[in-house]
C-alpha atoms as a PDB file:
ATOM      1  CA  MET A   1       0.000   0.000   0.000  1.00  0.00           C
ATOM      2  CA  ASP A   2       3.032   2.262  -0.028  1.00  0.00           C
ATOM      3  CA  GLY A   3       2.568   5.244  -2.346  1.00  0.00           C
ATOM      4  CA  ARG A   4      -1.208   4.834  -2.664  1.00  0.00           C
ATOM      5  CA  ILE A   5      -3.668   7.601  -1.844  1.00  0.00           C
ATOM      6  CA  ILE A   6      -7.419   7.919  -1.467  1.00  0.00           C
ATOM      7  CA  ALA A   7      -8.879  11.099  -2.999  1.00  0.00           C
ATOM      8  CA  ARG A   8     -12.160  12.934  -2.297  1.00  0.00           C
ATOM      9  CA  ILE A   9     -13.721  15.874  -4.168  1.00  0.00           C
ATOM     10  CA  THR A  10     -16.707  17.797  -2.797  1.00  0.00           C
ATOM     11  CA  VAL A  11     -18.526  20.423  -4.871  1.00  0.00           C
ATOM     12  CA  ASP A  12     -21.076  22.569  -3.023  1.00  0.00           C
ATOM     13  CA  ARG A  13     -23.198  25.163  -4.740  1.00  0.00           C
ATOM     14  CA  ILE A  14     -23.033  28.674  -3.261  1.00  0.00           C
ATOM     15  CA  ASP A  15     -25.528  30.359  -5.568  1.00  0.00           C
ATOM     16  CA  ARG A  16     -26.540  30.136  -9.215  1.00  0.00           C
ATOM     17  CA  GLN A  17     -23.177  31.208 -10.567  1.00  0.00           C
ATOM     18  CA  ARG A  18     -20.605  29.983  -8.027  1.00  0.00           C
ATOM     19  CA  SER A  19     -19.553  26.676  -6.504  1.00  0.00           C
ATOM     20  CA  LYS A  20     -17.200  25.873  -3.627  1.00  0.00           C
ATOM     21  CA  VAL A  21     -14.783  23.012  -4.296  1.00  0.00           C
ATOM     22  CA  LYS A  22     -12.932  21.058  -1.593  1.00  0.00           C
ATOM     23  CA  GLU A  23     -10.518  18.298  -2.467  1.00  0.00           C
ATOM     24  CA  PHE A  24      -8.045  16.285  -0.458  1.00  0.00           C
ATOM     25  CA  ALA A  25      -5.960  13.138  -0.620  1.00  0.00           C
ATOM     26  CA  VAL A  26      -4.982  10.823   2.236  1.00  0.00           C
ATOM     27  CA  GLU A  27      -2.076   8.404   2.124  1.00  0.00           C
ATOM     28  CA  ARG A  28      -3.179   4.816   2.788  1.00  0.00           C
ATOM     29  CA  THR A  29      -0.221   3.661   4.876  1.00  0.00           C
ATOM     30  CA  THR A  30       0.094   6.599   7.290  1.00  0.00           C
ATOM     31  CA  GLY A  31      -3.405   8.097   7.180  1.00  0.00           C
ATOM     32  CA  LYS A  32      -1.954  11.594   6.781  1.00  0.00           C
ATOM     33  CA  THR A  33      -3.436  14.194   4.498  1.00  0.00           C
ATOM     34  CA  VAL A  34      -0.893  14.799   1.749  1.00  0.00           C
ATOM     35  CA  TYR A  35      -2.957  17.137  -0.449  1.00  0.00           C
ATOM     36  CA  LYS A  36      -5.664  19.672   0.331  1.00  0.00           C
ATOM     37  CA  LEU A  37      -7.166  22.372  -1.873  1.00  0.00           C
ATOM     38  CA  ARG A  38     -10.186  24.654  -1.452  1.00  0.00           C
ATOM     39  CA  TYR A  39     -11.372  27.249  -3.925  1.00  0.00           C
ATOM     40  CA  GLU A  40     -14.438  28.878  -5.478  1.00  0.00           C
ATOM     41  CA  THR A  41     -15.255  28.683  -9.158  1.00  0.00           C
ATOM     42  CA  GLU A  42     -17.921  29.968 -11.502  1.00  0.00           C
ATOM     43  CA  LYS A  43     -18.483  26.550 -13.064  1.00  0.00           C
ATOM     44  CA  ASN A  44     -21.370  24.188 -12.463  1.00  0.00           C
ATOM     45  CA  GLY A  45     -21.068  20.978 -10.429  1.00  0.00           C
ATOM     46  CA  LEU A  46     -19.966  18.505 -13.084  1.00  0.00           C
ATOM     47  CA  THR A  47     -17.537  20.885 -14.801  1.00  0.00           C
ATOM     48  CA  ALA A  48     -16.060  21.886 -11.438  1.00  0.00           C
ATOM     49  CA  TYR A  49     -15.589  18.192 -10.584  1.00  0.00           C
ATOM     50  CA  TYR A  50     -13.684  17.487 -13.798  1.00  0.00           C
ATOM     51  CA  GLU A  51     -11.488  20.539 -13.203  1.00  0.00           C
ATOM     52  CA  ALA A  52     -10.737  19.385  -9.637  1.00  0.00           C
ATOM     53  CA  GLU A  53     -10.053  15.854 -10.879  1.00  0.00           C
ATOM     54  CA  LYS A  54      -7.306  17.222 -13.134  1.00  0.00           C
ATOM     55  CA  TYR A  55      -5.642  18.887 -10.124  1.00  0.00           C
ATOM     56  CA  VAL A  56      -5.697  15.697  -8.023  1.00  0.00           C
ATOM     57  CA  LYS A  57      -4.359  13.561 -10.859  1.00  0.00           C
ATOM     58  CA  ALA A  58      -1.611  16.099 -11.580  1.00  0.00           C
ATOM     59  CA  PHE A  59      -0.620  16.075  -7.901  1.00  0.00           C
ATOM     60  CA  ALA A  60      -0.507  12.278  -7.877  1.00  0.00           C
ATOM     61  CA  THR A  61       1.696  12.029 -10.967  1.00  0.00           C
ATOM     62  CA  ASP A  62       4.022  14.870  -9.865  1.00  0.00           C
ATOM     63  CA  ASN A  63       4.609  13.288  -6.433  1.00  0.00           C
ATOM     64  CA  ASP A  64       4.727   9.653  -7.615  1.00  0.00           C
ATOM     65  CA  PHE A  65       1.477   8.581  -5.910  1.00  0.00           C
ATOM     66  CA  ILE A  66      -1.138   6.135  -7.201  1.00  0.00           C
ATOM     67  CA  ILE A  67      -4.826   6.932  -6.713  1.00  0.00           C
ATOM     68  CA  ASP A  68      -6.312   3.804  -5.146  1.00  0.00           C
ATOM     69  CA  GLY A  69      -9.723   3.081  -6.695  1.00  0.00           C
ATOM     70  CA  ASN A  70     -12.038   5.817  -7.876  1.00  0.00           C
ATOM     71  CA  ILE A  71     -12.100   9.374  -6.619  1.00  0.00           C
ATOM     72  CA  SER A  72     -15.068   9.677  -4.272  1.00  0.00           C
ATOM     73  CA  THR A  73     -17.377  12.656  -4.705  1.00  0.00           C
ATOM     74  CA  ASN A  74     -20.794  14.069  -3.912  1.00  0.00           C
ATOM     75  CA  VAL A  75     -21.439  14.988  -7.575  1.00  0.00           C
ATOM     76  CA  ASP A  76     -23.779  12.834  -9.666  1.00  0.00           C
ATOM     77  CA  LEU A  77     -21.510  11.565 -12.423  1.00  0.00           C
ATOM     78  CA  PRO A  78     -22.890  10.334 -15.739  1.00  0.00           C
ATOM     79  CA  TYR A  79     -22.533   6.662 -16.591  1.00  0.00           C
ATOM     80  CA  VAL A  80     -23.290   4.450 -19.566  1.00  0.00           C
ATOM     81  CA  ARG A  81     -25.359   1.323 -19.042  1.00  0.00           C
ATOM     82  CA  THR A  82     -26.299  -1.393 -21.472  1.00  0.00           C
ATOM     83  CA  VAL A  83     -29.934  -2.392 -21.307  1.00  0.00           C
ATOM     84  CA  ALA A  84     -30.824  -5.983 -22.074  1.00  0.00           C
ATOM     85  CA  LYS A  85     -34.351  -5.366 -23.301  1.00  0.00           C
ATOM     86  CA  ARG A  86     -36.109  -8.018 -25.284  1.00  0.00           C
ATOM     87  CA  THR A  87     -39.178  -7.194 -27.308  1.00  0.00           C
ATOM     88  CA  ARG A  88     -41.444  -9.290 -29.467  1.00  0.00           C
END
């Protein structure tokens, strides 16, 4: 588990035009926070998430960390699902 981190991104809406973004990463072996960033942006929830995701991934590659699993978030992310629907 050495060199692995768990990342979390939270996007909270302030008003119609602004969102508050909080992101942090915790190292798995020590449990210490190795990355923390808070800022406000004028982007909506999904766009702000993708912007924050770039920052976390850039931090991980610059400091030789591996993001363990998916980045957890409070944003509803889109997904593609295959439907097995049979009709006659």
